[in-house]
Amino acid sequence: MPGGSARFALREATAEIHARLHDLPAFAALAAGRLDRSGYGALLRRLLGFHAAIEAALAAAPPLGAYGIHLAERRRSGLLRDDLAALGLPAIGPQAPVPPLDTAARALGCLYVTEGSTLGGRQLARGLDHLLPSGATAGRAFLLGHGARHAAMWQACCAAIEVCGREPGGLAGMAAAADETFAAFATWFATDPQPPTP
């Protein structure tokens, strides 16, 4: 592991697929403050389809309590539903195909992706100031992630990754699942979302 860190090894192993996500049109528009209300609603529904599917897969995976990870406090699909409700939009739509998480290592590799996505959320949230009152949480709760607990939650995730990385096959399992999760996300956002049914 470079520098003895499983987290840095994961970052290096997934760098190429991760970099491609920055070019996804909806996120580029969000970062530039160019999303209109309809576009933002479509993005939230697409994110909900992905995160709800990931949360279901993680719930069915081997438990991560031995690594200090409690999934209930990391679920963010409810925040997406709250954001859609704040916009007066329905929280409905299809769920994304996601990779199997049949080992603890694979579950942690997936979690590395979803928890890592909270890191740039606050900056992206500023791209909504033209749609939502500046500083308001309603409508952008998902992007604000874990709020005041953000740093502690990320540190706990990184600590779990380091422990798993020292186990036989741990790093390989995490890297494979992280790569597959990034790829599933890219594929999900590269396809046209289905319009919601009233």
N, C-alpha and C. Protein backbone atom coordinates (compact mmCIF):
# COMPACT_ATOMS: atom_id res chain seq x y z
N MET A 1 0.85 -1.19 0.00
CA MET A 1 0.00 0.00 0.00
C MET A 1 0.88 1.24 0.00
N PRO A 2 0.62 2.22 -0.91
CA PRO A 2 1.42 3.43 -0.94
C PRO A 2 1.33 4.15 0.39
N GLY A 3 2.49 4.43 0.98
CA GLY A 3 2.51 5.13 2.26
C GLY A 3 1.87 4.34 3.37
N GLY A 4 1.62 3.03 3.14
CA GLY A 4 1.00 2.21 4.16
C GLY A 4 -0.46 2.51 4.40
N SER A 5 -1.10 3.27 3.50
CA SER A 5 -2.49 3.66 3.73
C SER A 5 -3.43 2.99 2.74
N ALA A 6 -4.40 2.25 3.27
CA ALA A 6 -5.39 1.61 2.40
C ALA A 6 -6.23 2.67 1.69
N ARG A 7 -6.54 3.77 2.39
CA ARG A 7 -7.37 4.81 1.76
C ARG A 7 -6.67 5.41 0.55
N PHE A 8 -5.38 5.69 0.66
CA PHE A 8 -4.66 6.25 -0.49
C PHE A 8 -4.55 5.22 -1.61
N ALA A 9 -4.42 3.96 -1.24
CA ALA A 9 -4.39 2.90 -2.25
C ALA A 9 -5.72 2.85 -2.99
N LEU A 10 -6.84 3.00 -2.27
CA LEU A 10 -8.15 3.04 -2.92
C LEU A 10 -8.27 4.25 -3.83
N ARG A 11 -7.80 5.37 -3.36
CA ARG A 11 -7.88 6.59 -4.18
C ARG A 11 -7.10 6.42 -5.48
N GLU A 12 -5.92 5.81 -5.37
CA GLU A 12 -5.11 5.61 -6.56
C GLU A 12 -5.76 4.59 -7.51
N ALA A 13 -6.34 3.54 -6.94
CA ALA A 13 -6.94 2.48 -7.76
C ALA A 13 -8.18 2.97 -8.51
N THR A 14 -8.86 3.97 -7.96
CA THR A 14 -10.12 4.43 -8.57
C THR A 14 -9.99 5.82 -9.19
N ALA A 15 -8.77 6.34 -9.30
CA ALA A 15 -8.58 7.73 -9.73
C ALA A 15 -9.17 7.99 -11.12
N GLU A 16 -8.98 7.05 -12.04
CA GLU A 16 -9.42 7.29 -13.42
C GLU A 16 -10.94 7.37 -13.52
N ILE A 17 -11.65 6.39 -12.95
CA ILE A 17 -13.10 6.40 -13.03
C ILE A 17 -13.68 7.55 -12.21
N HIS A 18 -13.05 7.88 -11.08
CA HIS A 18 -13.52 8.99 -10.25
C HIS A 18 -13.41 10.30 -11.00
N ALA A 19 -12.30 10.52 -11.70
CA ALA A 19 -12.10 11.77 -12.44
C ALA A 19 -13.17 11.96 -13.52
N ARG A 20 -13.63 10.86 -14.11
CA ARG A 20 -14.63 10.97 -15.19
C ARG A 20 -15.97 11.49 -14.67
N LEU A 21 -16.23 11.27 -13.38
CA LEU A 21 -17.52 11.71 -12.82
C LEU A 21 -17.64 13.23 -12.80
N HIS A 22 -16.52 13.93 -12.74
CA HIS A 22 -16.57 15.40 -12.71
C HIS A 22 -17.11 15.97 -14.02
N ASP A 23 -17.09 15.17 -15.08
CA ASP A 23 -17.57 15.64 -16.38
C ASP A 23 -19.05 15.36 -16.60
N LEU A 24 -19.72 14.72 -15.65
CA LEU A 24 -21.14 14.46 -15.83
C LEU A 24 -21.89 15.78 -15.91
N PRO A 25 -22.71 15.99 -16.96
CA PRO A 25 -23.32 17.30 -17.21
C PRO A 25 -24.11 17.87 -16.03
N ALA A 26 -24.90 17.05 -15.35
CA ALA A 26 -25.74 17.59 -14.26
C ALA A 26 -24.89 18.16 -13.14
N PHE A 27 -23.78 17.48 -12.82
CA PHE A 27 -22.93 17.97 -11.73
C PHE A 27 -22.11 19.18 -12.15
N ALA A 28 -21.70 19.22 -13.42
CA ALA A 28 -20.99 20.40 -13.92
C ALA A 28 -21.92 21.61 -13.87
N ALA A 29 -23.18 21.42 -14.25
CA ALA A 29 -24.15 22.52 -14.22
C ALA A 29 -24.43 22.96 -12.79
N LEU A 30 -24.51 21.99 -11.87
CA LEU A 30 -24.72 22.32 -10.46
C LEU A 30 -23.56 23.14 -9.92
N ALA A 31 -22.34 22.69 -10.19
CA ALA A 31 -21.15 23.40 -9.70
C ALA A 31 -21.07 24.82 -10.24
N ALA A 32 -21.55 25.01 -11.47
CA ALA A 32 -21.49 26.33 -12.11
C ALA A 32 -22.70 27.20 -11.77
N GLY A 33 -23.64 26.66 -10.98
CA GLY A 33 -24.83 27.44 -10.64
C GLY A 33 -25.78 27.62 -11.80
N ARG A 34 -25.80 26.65 -12.73
CA ARG A 34 -26.63 26.78 -13.94
C ARG A 34 -27.85 25.86 -13.95
N LEU A 35 -28.07 25.09 -12.89
CA LEU A 35 -29.22 24.19 -12.87
C LEU A 35 -30.49 24.97 -12.59
N ASP A 36 -31.54 24.72 -13.39
CA ASP A 36 -32.84 25.31 -13.06
C ASP A 36 -33.58 24.36 -12.12
N ARG A 37 -34.77 24.76 -11.69
CA ARG A 37 -35.52 23.98 -10.71
C ARG A 37 -35.83 22.58 -11.23
N SER A 38 -36.23 22.50 -12.49
CA SER A 38 -36.56 21.20 -13.08
C SER A 38 -35.32 20.30 -13.15
N GLY A 39 -34.20 20.88 -13.56
CA GLY A 39 -32.96 20.11 -13.65
C GLY A 39 -32.48 19.64 -12.29
N TYR A 40 -32.65 20.50 -11.28
CA TYR A 40 -32.24 20.11 -9.93
C TYR A 40 -33.14 19.00 -9.40
N GLY A 41 -34.43 19.09 -9.66
CA GLY A 41 -35.35 18.03 -9.24
C GLY A 41 -35.00 16.70 -9.89
N ALA A 42 -34.66 16.74 -11.19
CA ALA A 42 -34.28 15.51 -11.90
C ALA A 42 -33.00 14.93 -11.31
N LEU A 43 -32.05 15.80 -10.95
CA LEU A 43 -30.80 15.34 -10.34
C LEU A 43 -31.07 14.68 -8.99
N LEU A 44 -31.93 15.31 -8.18
CA LEU A 44 -32.24 14.74 -6.87
C LEU A 44 -32.90 13.37 -7.00
N ARG A 45 -33.81 13.23 -7.96
CA ARG A 45 -34.47 11.92 -8.15
C ARG A 45 -33.47 10.87 -8.61
N ARG A 46 -32.53 11.28 -9.46
CA ARG A 46 -31.52 10.33 -9.93
C ARG A 46 -30.62 9.91 -8.77
N LEU A 47 -30.23 10.87 -7.95
CA LEU A 47 -29.42 10.56 -6.77
C LEU A 47 -30.18 9.64 -5.82
N LEU A 48 -31.47 9.88 -5.65
CA LEU A 48 -32.27 9.03 -4.78
C LEU A 48 -32.30 7.60 -5.30
N GLY A 49 -32.45 7.43 -6.60
CA GLY A 49 -32.46 6.09 -7.18
C GLY A 49 -31.17 5.34 -6.93
N PHE A 50 -30.06 6.08 -6.92
CA PHE A 50 -28.76 5.46 -6.68
C PHE A 50 -28.56 5.16 -5.20
N HIS A 51 -28.77 6.16 -4.36
CA HIS A 51 -28.48 5.98 -2.93
C HIS A 51 -29.45 5.02 -2.25
N ALA A 52 -30.71 5.01 -2.67
CA ALA A 52 -31.65 4.05 -2.09
C ALA A 52 -31.22 2.62 -2.42
N ALA A 53 -30.74 2.41 -3.65
CA ALA A 53 -30.27 1.08 -4.05
C ALA A 53 -29.01 0.68 -3.28
N ILE A 54 -28.09 1.62 -3.12
CA ILE A 54 -26.86 1.35 -2.37
C ILE A 54 -27.18 1.03 -0.91
N GLU A 55 -28.08 1.79 -0.32
CA GLU A 55 -28.43 1.54 1.09
C GLU A 55 -29.06 0.17 1.27
N ALA A 56 -29.88 -0.25 0.31
CA ALA A 56 -30.48 -1.58 0.39
C ALA A 56 -29.40 -2.66 0.27
N ALA A 57 -28.44 -2.45 -0.63
CA ALA A 57 -27.35 -3.42 -0.80
C ALA A 57 -26.48 -3.49 0.45
N LEU A 58 -26.20 -2.33 1.05
CA LEU A 58 -25.40 -2.31 2.28
C LEU A 58 -26.14 -2.97 3.44
N ALA A 59 -27.45 -2.78 3.49
CA ALA A 59 -28.25 -3.40 4.57
C ALA A 59 -28.22 -4.92 4.46
N ALA A 60 -28.09 -5.44 3.25
CA ALA A 60 -28.06 -6.88 3.04
C ALA A 60 -26.65 -7.46 3.14
N ALA A 61 -25.65 -6.59 3.22
CA ALA A 61 -24.25 -7.02 3.27
C ALA A 61 -23.89 -7.49 4.68
N PRO A 62 -22.75 -8.18 4.81
CA PRO A 62 -22.29 -8.54 6.17
C PRO A 62 -22.16 -7.28 7.03
N PRO A 63 -22.53 -7.35 8.31
CA PRO A 63 -22.51 -6.15 9.17
C PRO A 63 -21.10 -5.58 9.33
N LEU A 64 -21.05 -4.26 9.53
CA LEU A 64 -19.76 -3.56 9.62
C LEU A 64 -19.50 -3.03 11.03
N GLY A 65 -20.31 -3.46 12.00
CA GLY A 65 -20.16 -2.98 13.36
C GLY A 65 -18.79 -3.26 13.95
N ALA A 66 -18.18 -4.37 13.55
CA ALA A 66 -16.84 -4.70 14.07
C ALA A 66 -15.80 -3.68 13.63
N TYR A 67 -16.10 -2.94 12.58
CA TYR A 67 -15.19 -1.90 12.08
C TYR A 67 -15.58 -0.52 12.62
N GLY A 68 -16.57 -0.48 13.51
CA GLY A 68 -17.00 0.81 14.05
C GLY A 68 -17.94 1.57 13.13
N ILE A 69 -18.52 0.88 12.15
CA ILE A 69 -19.42 1.53 11.19
C ILE A 69 -20.86 1.11 11.48
N HIS A 70 -21.71 2.10 11.69
CA HIS A 70 -23.13 1.88 11.92
C HIS A 70 -23.88 2.54 10.77
N LEU A 71 -24.43 1.70 9.91
CA LEU A 71 -24.99 2.20 8.65
C LEU A 71 -26.19 3.12 8.84
N ALA A 72 -26.97 2.90 9.87
CA ALA A 72 -28.18 3.70 10.06
C ALA A 72 -27.87 5.19 10.10
N GLU A 73 -26.75 5.58 10.71
CA GLU A 73 -26.43 7.00 10.82
C GLU A 73 -25.81 7.56 9.54
N ARG A 74 -25.55 6.69 8.56
CA ARG A 74 -24.94 7.14 7.32
C ARG A 74 -25.91 7.17 6.15
N ARG A 75 -27.14 6.77 6.39
CA ARG A 75 -28.12 6.77 5.29
C ARG A 75 -28.49 8.21 4.93
N ARG A 76 -28.50 8.49 3.63
CA ARG A 76 -28.82 9.86 3.19
C ARG A 76 -29.98 9.90 2.21
N SER A 77 -30.61 8.76 1.92
CA SER A 77 -31.74 8.79 1.00
C SER A 77 -32.89 9.61 1.58
N GLY A 78 -33.03 9.59 2.92
CA GLY A 78 -34.07 10.40 3.56
C GLY A 78 -33.86 11.88 3.33
N LEU A 79 -32.59 12.31 3.28
CA LEU A 79 -32.29 13.71 3.01
C LEU A 79 -32.70 14.09 1.59
N LEU A 80 -32.51 13.16 0.65
CA LEU A 80 -32.94 13.41 -0.73
C LEU A 80 -34.47 13.53 -0.80
N ARG A 81 -35.17 12.68 -0.06
CA ARG A 81 -36.64 12.79 -0.03
C ARG A 81 -37.07 14.12 0.57
N ASP A 82 -36.36 14.56 1.61
CA ASP A 82 -36.67 15.85 2.23
C ASP A 82 -36.43 17.00 1.25
N ASP A 83 -35.34 16.92 0.50
CA ASP A 83 -35.04 17.97 -0.47
C ASP A 83 -36.10 18.03 -1.56
N LEU A 84 -36.52 16.87 -2.04
CA LEU A 84 -37.58 16.85 -3.06
C LEU A 84 -38.88 17.41 -2.49
N ALA A 85 -39.20 17.07 -1.25
CA ALA A 85 -40.42 17.60 -0.62
C ALA A 85 -40.33 19.11 -0.48
N ALA A 86 -39.14 19.63 -0.15
CA ALA A 86 -38.96 21.08 -0.01
C ALA A 86 -39.20 21.80 -1.34
N LEU A 87 -38.96 21.10 -2.45
CA LEU A 87 -39.20 21.67 -3.78
C LEU A 87 -40.62 21.39 -4.26
N GLY A 88 -41.39 20.64 -3.46
CA GLY A 88 -42.74 20.28 -3.88
C GLY A 88 -42.76 19.23 -4.97
N LEU A 89 -41.74 18.36 -4.99
CA LEU A 89 -41.60 17.36 -6.05
C LEU A 89 -41.76 15.95 -5.48
N PRO A 90 -42.27 15.02 -6.28
CA PRO A 90 -42.44 13.65 -5.78
C PRO A 90 -41.10 12.91 -5.69
N ALA A 91 -40.96 12.10 -4.67
CA ALA A 91 -39.73 11.31 -4.48
C ALA A 91 -39.96 9.92 -5.05
N ILE A 92 -40.12 9.85 -6.37
CA ILE A 92 -40.38 8.56 -7.01
C ILE A 92 -39.46 8.40 -8.21
N GLY A 93 -39.30 7.16 -8.64
CA GLY A 93 -38.45 6.88 -9.78
C GLY A 93 -37.78 5.53 -9.62
N PRO A 94 -37.10 5.09 -10.66
CA PRO A 94 -36.45 3.77 -10.62
C PRO A 94 -35.22 3.77 -9.73
N GLN A 95 -34.78 2.56 -9.35
CA GLN A 95 -33.54 2.43 -8.60
C GLN A 95 -32.43 1.93 -9.52
N ALA A 96 -31.22 2.33 -9.18
CA ALA A 96 -30.05 2.00 -10.00
C ALA A 96 -29.61 0.55 -9.79
N PRO A 97 -29.07 -0.08 -10.83
CA PRO A 97 -28.36 -1.35 -10.62
C PRO A 97 -27.04 -1.06 -9.89
N VAL A 98 -26.76 -1.79 -8.84
CA VAL A 98 -25.53 -1.56 -8.07
C VAL A 98 -24.80 -2.88 -7.89
N PRO A 99 -23.49 -2.82 -7.61
CA PRO A 99 -22.71 -4.07 -7.50
C PRO A 99 -23.08 -4.86 -6.26
N PRO A 100 -22.86 -6.18 -6.29
CA PRO A 100 -23.12 -7.01 -5.11
C PRO A 100 -22.11 -6.68 -4.01
N LEU A 101 -22.59 -6.69 -2.77
CA LEU A 101 -21.73 -6.39 -1.62
C LEU A 101 -21.79 -7.59 -0.66
N ASP A 102 -21.17 -8.68 -1.11
CA ASP A 102 -21.31 -9.94 -0.38
C ASP A 102 -20.22 -10.18 0.66
N THR A 103 -19.31 -9.24 0.83
CA THR A 103 -18.29 -9.35 1.88
C THR A 103 -18.19 -7.99 2.57
N ALA A 104 -17.64 -8.01 3.78
CA ALA A 104 -17.45 -6.75 4.50
C ALA A 104 -16.50 -5.83 3.74
N ALA A 105 -15.47 -6.40 3.13
CA ALA A 105 -14.52 -5.58 2.37
C ALA A 105 -15.22 -4.88 1.21
N ARG A 106 -16.07 -5.61 0.50
CA ARG A 106 -16.78 -4.99 -0.62
C ARG A 106 -17.75 -3.91 -0.11
N ALA A 107 -18.39 -4.15 1.01
CA ALA A 107 -19.29 -3.14 1.58
C ALA A 107 -18.51 -1.87 1.95
N LEU A 108 -17.32 -2.04 2.53
CA LEU A 108 -16.50 -0.88 2.88
C LEU A 108 -15.99 -0.15 1.64
N GLY A 109 -15.69 -0.89 0.58
CA GLY A 109 -15.27 -0.25 -0.67
C GLY A 109 -16.38 0.61 -1.24
N CYS A 110 -17.60 0.12 -1.17
CA CYS A 110 -18.76 0.89 -1.62
C CYS A 110 -18.95 2.11 -0.74
N LEU A 111 -18.82 1.93 0.56
CA LEU A 111 -18.99 3.03 1.51
C LEU A 111 -17.94 4.11 1.29
N TYR A 112 -16.74 3.71 0.91
CA TYR A 112 -15.69 4.68 0.59
C TYR A 112 -16.17 5.65 -0.48
N VAL A 113 -16.91 5.14 -1.46
CA VAL A 113 -17.42 5.98 -2.55
C VAL A 113 -18.53 6.90 -2.05
N THR A 114 -19.52 6.34 -1.37
CA THR A 114 -20.67 7.15 -0.96
C THR A 114 -20.31 8.16 0.12
N GLU A 115 -19.46 7.76 1.07
CA GLU A 115 -19.05 8.71 2.11
C GLU A 115 -18.09 9.75 1.53
N GLY A 116 -17.25 9.34 0.60
CA GLY A 116 -16.35 10.30 -0.03
C GLY A 116 -17.10 11.38 -0.80
N SER A 117 -18.31 11.04 -1.27
CA SER A 117 -19.08 12.01 -2.04
C SER A 117 -19.57 13.17 -1.17
N THR A 118 -19.51 13.01 0.17
CA THR A 118 -19.92 14.12 1.04
C THR A 118 -18.85 15.22 1.09
N LEU A 119 -17.63 14.90 0.65
CA LEU A 119 -16.52 15.85 0.83
C LEU A 119 -16.71 17.14 0.04
N GLY A 120 -17.23 17.04 -1.18
CA GLY A 120 -17.42 18.24 -1.99
C GLY A 120 -18.83 18.78 -1.96
N GLY A 121 -19.68 18.18 -1.13
CA GLY A 121 -21.09 18.55 -1.13
C GLY A 121 -21.36 19.99 -0.74
N ARG A 122 -20.63 20.49 0.26
CA ARG A 122 -20.88 21.86 0.72
C ARG A 122 -20.59 22.86 -0.38
N GLN A 123 -19.52 22.61 -1.12
CA GLN A 123 -19.19 23.52 -2.23
C GLN A 123 -20.27 23.46 -3.31
N LEU A 124 -20.73 22.26 -3.64
CA LEU A 124 -21.78 22.13 -4.64
C LEU A 124 -23.07 22.79 -4.17
N ALA A 125 -23.33 22.75 -2.87
CA ALA A 125 -24.56 23.35 -2.33
C ALA A 125 -24.63 24.84 -2.63
N ARG A 126 -23.47 25.49 -2.74
CA ARG A 126 -23.47 26.93 -3.05
C ARG A 126 -23.98 27.21 -4.45
N GLY A 127 -23.91 26.18 -5.31
CA GLY A 127 -24.40 26.36 -6.67
C GLY A 127 -25.92 26.44 -6.76
N LEU A 128 -26.58 26.35 -5.59
CA LEU A 128 -28.05 26.44 -5.56
C LEU A 128 -28.54 27.77 -5.02
N ASP A 129 -27.63 28.71 -4.77
CA ASP A 129 -28.04 29.98 -4.17
C ASP A 129 -29.00 30.76 -5.05
N HIS A 130 -28.98 30.50 -6.36
CA HIS A 130 -29.93 31.20 -7.24
C HIS A 130 -31.32 30.57 -7.21
N LEU A 131 -31.41 29.35 -6.66
CA LEU A 131 -32.70 28.66 -6.57
C LEU A 131 -33.28 28.67 -5.17
N LEU A 132 -32.41 28.64 -4.17
CA LEU A 132 -32.83 28.51 -2.77
C LEU A 132 -32.27 29.66 -1.96
N PRO A 133 -32.92 30.04 -0.86
CA PRO A 133 -32.39 31.11 -0.02
C PRO A 133 -30.97 30.79 0.45
N SER A 134 -30.07 31.74 0.33
CA SER A 134 -28.68 31.53 0.71
C SER A 134 -28.59 31.13 2.18
N GLY A 135 -27.85 30.08 2.45
CA GLY A 135 -27.67 29.60 3.83
C GLY A 135 -28.76 28.67 4.31
N ALA A 136 -29.85 28.54 3.55
CA ALA A 136 -30.94 27.67 3.98
C ALA A 136 -30.57 26.21 3.77
N THR A 137 -30.98 25.36 4.71
CA THR A 137 -30.72 23.92 4.59
C THR A 137 -31.77 23.24 3.73
N ALA A 138 -33.03 23.66 3.86
CA ALA A 138 -34.14 23.02 3.13
C ALA A 138 -33.87 23.06 1.63
N GLY A 139 -33.96 21.89 1.01
CA GLY A 139 -33.73 21.79 -0.42
C GLY A 139 -32.32 21.38 -0.78
N ARG A 140 -31.40 21.47 0.17
CA ARG A 140 -30.01 21.06 -0.12
C ARG A 140 -29.41 20.26 1.04
N ALA A 141 -30.26 19.62 1.81
CA ALA A 141 -29.79 18.85 2.96
C ALA A 141 -28.85 17.72 2.54
N PHE A 142 -29.14 17.07 1.40
CA PHE A 142 -28.29 15.97 0.95
C PHE A 142 -26.87 16.46 0.70
N LEU A 143 -26.73 17.59 0.04
CA LEU A 143 -25.40 18.11 -0.29
C LEU A 143 -24.64 18.53 0.96
N LEU A 144 -25.36 18.90 2.00
CA LEU A 144 -24.69 19.31 3.25
C LEU A 144 -24.28 18.09 4.08
N GLY A 145 -24.69 16.91 3.64
CA GLY A 145 -24.19 15.65 4.22
C GLY A 145 -24.48 15.49 5.70
N HIS A 146 -23.44 15.18 6.45
CA HIS A 146 -23.58 14.88 7.87
C HIS A 146 -23.48 16.13 8.75
N GLY A 147 -23.44 17.29 8.14
CA GLY A 147 -23.42 18.54 8.91
C GLY A 147 -22.21 18.64 9.83
N ALA A 148 -22.46 18.98 11.08
CA ALA A 148 -21.37 19.18 12.05
C ALA A 148 -20.61 17.89 12.33
N ARG A 149 -21.21 16.75 12.02
CA ARG A 149 -20.56 15.45 12.29
C ARG A 149 -19.72 14.98 11.11
N HIS A 150 -19.64 15.80 10.07
CA HIS A 150 -19.00 15.37 8.83
C HIS A 150 -17.57 14.85 9.05
N ALA A 151 -16.74 15.65 9.70
CA ALA A 151 -15.32 15.28 9.87
C ALA A 151 -15.20 13.97 10.65
N ALA A 152 -15.95 13.84 11.74
CA ALA A 152 -15.87 12.62 12.57
C ALA A 152 -16.35 11.39 11.79
N MET A 153 -17.40 11.56 10.99
CA MET A 153 -17.93 10.44 10.21
C MET A 153 -16.92 9.98 9.17
N TRP A 154 -16.27 10.92 8.50
CA TRP A 154 -15.28 10.57 7.48
C TRP A 154 -14.07 9.90 8.13
N GLN A 155 -13.62 10.42 9.27
CA GLN A 155 -12.48 9.81 9.96
C GLN A 155 -12.79 8.38 10.38
N ALA A 156 -14.01 8.14 10.85
CA ALA A 156 -14.39 6.78 11.24
C ALA A 156 -14.41 5.85 10.04
N CYS A 157 -14.87 6.35 8.90
CA CYS A 157 -14.87 5.55 7.68
C CYS A 157 -13.44 5.21 7.26
N CYS A 158 -12.56 6.21 7.32
CA CYS A 158 -11.15 5.98 6.94
C CYS A 158 -10.48 4.99 7.88
N ALA A 159 -10.80 5.08 9.18
CA ALA A 159 -10.22 4.14 10.15
C ALA A 159 -10.66 2.71 9.84
N ALA A 160 -11.94 2.53 9.47
CA ALA A 160 -12.44 1.20 9.13
C ALA A 160 -11.74 0.66 7.89
N ILE A 161 -11.51 1.53 6.92
CA ILE A 161 -10.83 1.13 5.69
C ILE A 161 -9.41 0.67 5.99
N GLU A 162 -8.73 1.37 6.90
CA GLU A 162 -7.36 0.98 7.25
C GLU A 162 -7.33 -0.39 7.92
N VAL A 163 -8.29 -0.64 8.82
CA VAL A 163 -8.35 -1.94 9.49
C VAL A 163 -8.59 -3.05 8.47
N CYS A 164 -9.57 -2.85 7.61
CA CYS A 164 -9.90 -3.86 6.60
C CYS A 164 -8.74 -4.08 5.64
N GLY A 165 -8.02 -3.01 5.32
CA GLY A 165 -6.90 -3.10 4.39
C GLY A 165 -5.77 -3.98 4.89
N ARG A 166 -5.72 -4.20 6.19
CA ARG A 166 -4.67 -5.06 6.76
C ARG A 166 -5.10 -6.52 6.81
N GLU A 167 -6.34 -6.79 6.49
CA GLU A 167 -6.84 -8.17 6.50
C GLU A 167 -6.57 -8.85 5.16
N PRO A 168 -6.44 -10.18 5.15
CA PRO A 168 -6.20 -10.88 3.88
C PRO A 168 -7.33 -10.61 2.89
N GLY A 169 -6.97 -10.13 1.72
CA GLY A 169 -7.95 -9.85 0.67
C GLY A 169 -8.77 -8.60 0.89
N GLY A 170 -8.53 -7.90 2.00
CA GLY A 170 -9.33 -6.73 2.31
C GLY A 170 -9.19 -5.61 1.31
N LEU A 171 -7.95 -5.25 0.99
CA LEU A 171 -7.73 -4.14 0.07
C LEU A 171 -8.25 -4.48 -1.32
N ALA A 172 -8.00 -5.70 -1.78
CA ALA A 172 -8.48 -6.11 -3.12
C ALA A 172 -10.00 -6.05 -3.19
N GLY A 173 -10.67 -6.53 -2.14
CA GLY A 173 -12.13 -6.49 -2.12
C GLY A 173 -12.67 -5.08 -2.11
N MET A 174 -12.07 -4.21 -1.30
CA MET A 174 -12.51 -2.81 -1.24
C MET A 174 -12.28 -2.11 -2.57
N ALA A 175 -11.11 -2.34 -3.17
CA ALA A 175 -10.78 -1.66 -4.43
C ALA A 175 -11.73 -2.09 -5.55
N ALA A 176 -12.02 -3.38 -5.61
CA ALA A 176 -12.93 -3.88 -6.66
C ALA A 176 -14.31 -3.27 -6.51
N ALA A 177 -14.84 -3.26 -5.28
CA ALA A 177 -16.19 -2.74 -5.06
C ALA A 177 -16.24 -1.23 -5.25
N ALA A 178 -15.19 -0.52 -4.84
CA ALA A 178 -15.16 0.93 -5.04
C ALA A 178 -15.17 1.25 -6.53
N ASP A 179 -14.37 0.55 -7.30
CA ASP A 179 -14.32 0.78 -8.74
C ASP A 179 -15.68 0.48 -9.38
N GLU A 180 -16.30 -0.62 -8.96
CA GLU A 180 -17.61 -1.00 -9.51
C GLU A 180 -18.69 0.00 -9.10
N THR A 181 -18.59 0.55 -7.89
CA THR A 181 -19.58 1.53 -7.44
C THR A 181 -19.45 2.83 -8.22
N PHE A 182 -18.22 3.29 -8.42
CA PHE A 182 -18.02 4.48 -9.25
C PHE A 182 -18.56 4.24 -10.66
N ALA A 183 -18.29 3.06 -11.21
CA ALA A 183 -18.75 2.75 -12.57
C ALA A 183 -20.28 2.70 -12.63
N ALA A 184 -20.91 2.12 -11.60
CA ALA A 184 -22.38 2.06 -11.55
C ALA A 184 -22.96 3.47 -11.50
N PHE A 185 -22.33 4.35 -10.74
CA PHE A 185 -22.78 5.74 -10.64
C PHE A 185 -22.67 6.42 -12.00
N ALA A 186 -21.52 6.25 -12.67
CA ALA A 186 -21.32 6.88 -13.97
C ALA A 186 -22.35 6.38 -14.98
N THR A 187 -22.60 5.07 -14.99
CA THR A 187 -23.57 4.50 -15.92
C THR A 187 -24.97 5.01 -15.63
N TRP A 188 -25.32 5.09 -14.35
CA TRP A 188 -26.65 5.55 -13.94
C TRP A 188 -26.91 6.98 -14.41
N PHE A 189 -25.89 7.82 -14.33
CA PHE A 189 -26.07 9.22 -14.72
C PHE A 189 -25.83 9.46 -16.20
N ALA A 190 -25.31 8.46 -16.89
CA ALA A 190 -25.14 8.59 -18.34
C ALA A 190 -26.40 8.19 -19.09
N THR A 191 -27.33 7.55 -18.41
CA THR A 191 -28.59 7.14 -19.05
C THR A 191 -29.66 8.17 -18.71
N ASP A 192 -30.62 8.32 -19.59
CA ASP A 192 -31.70 9.29 -19.37
C ASP A 192 -32.63 8.79 -18.28
N PRO A 193 -32.91 9.62 -17.26
CA PRO A 193 -33.85 9.20 -16.24
C PRO A 193 -35.25 9.09 -16.79
N GLN A 194 -36.00 8.14 -16.27
CA GLN A 194 -37.41 8.01 -16.66
C GLN A 194 -38.22 9.10 -16.00
N PRO A 195 -39.17 9.71 -16.71
CA PRO A 195 -39.99 10.74 -16.07
C PRO A 195 -40.83 10.14 -14.95
N PRO A 196 -41.01 10.90 -13.83
CA PRO A 196 -41.79 10.37 -12.72
C PRO A 196 -43.25 10.20 -13.09
N THR A 197 -43.90 9.20 -12.51
CA THR A 197 -45.34 9.02 -12.73
C THR A 197 -46.10 9.70 -11.60
N PRO A 198 -47.11 10.49 -11.93
CA PRO A 198 -47.85 11.18 -10.86
C PRO A 198 -48.51 10.18 -9.93
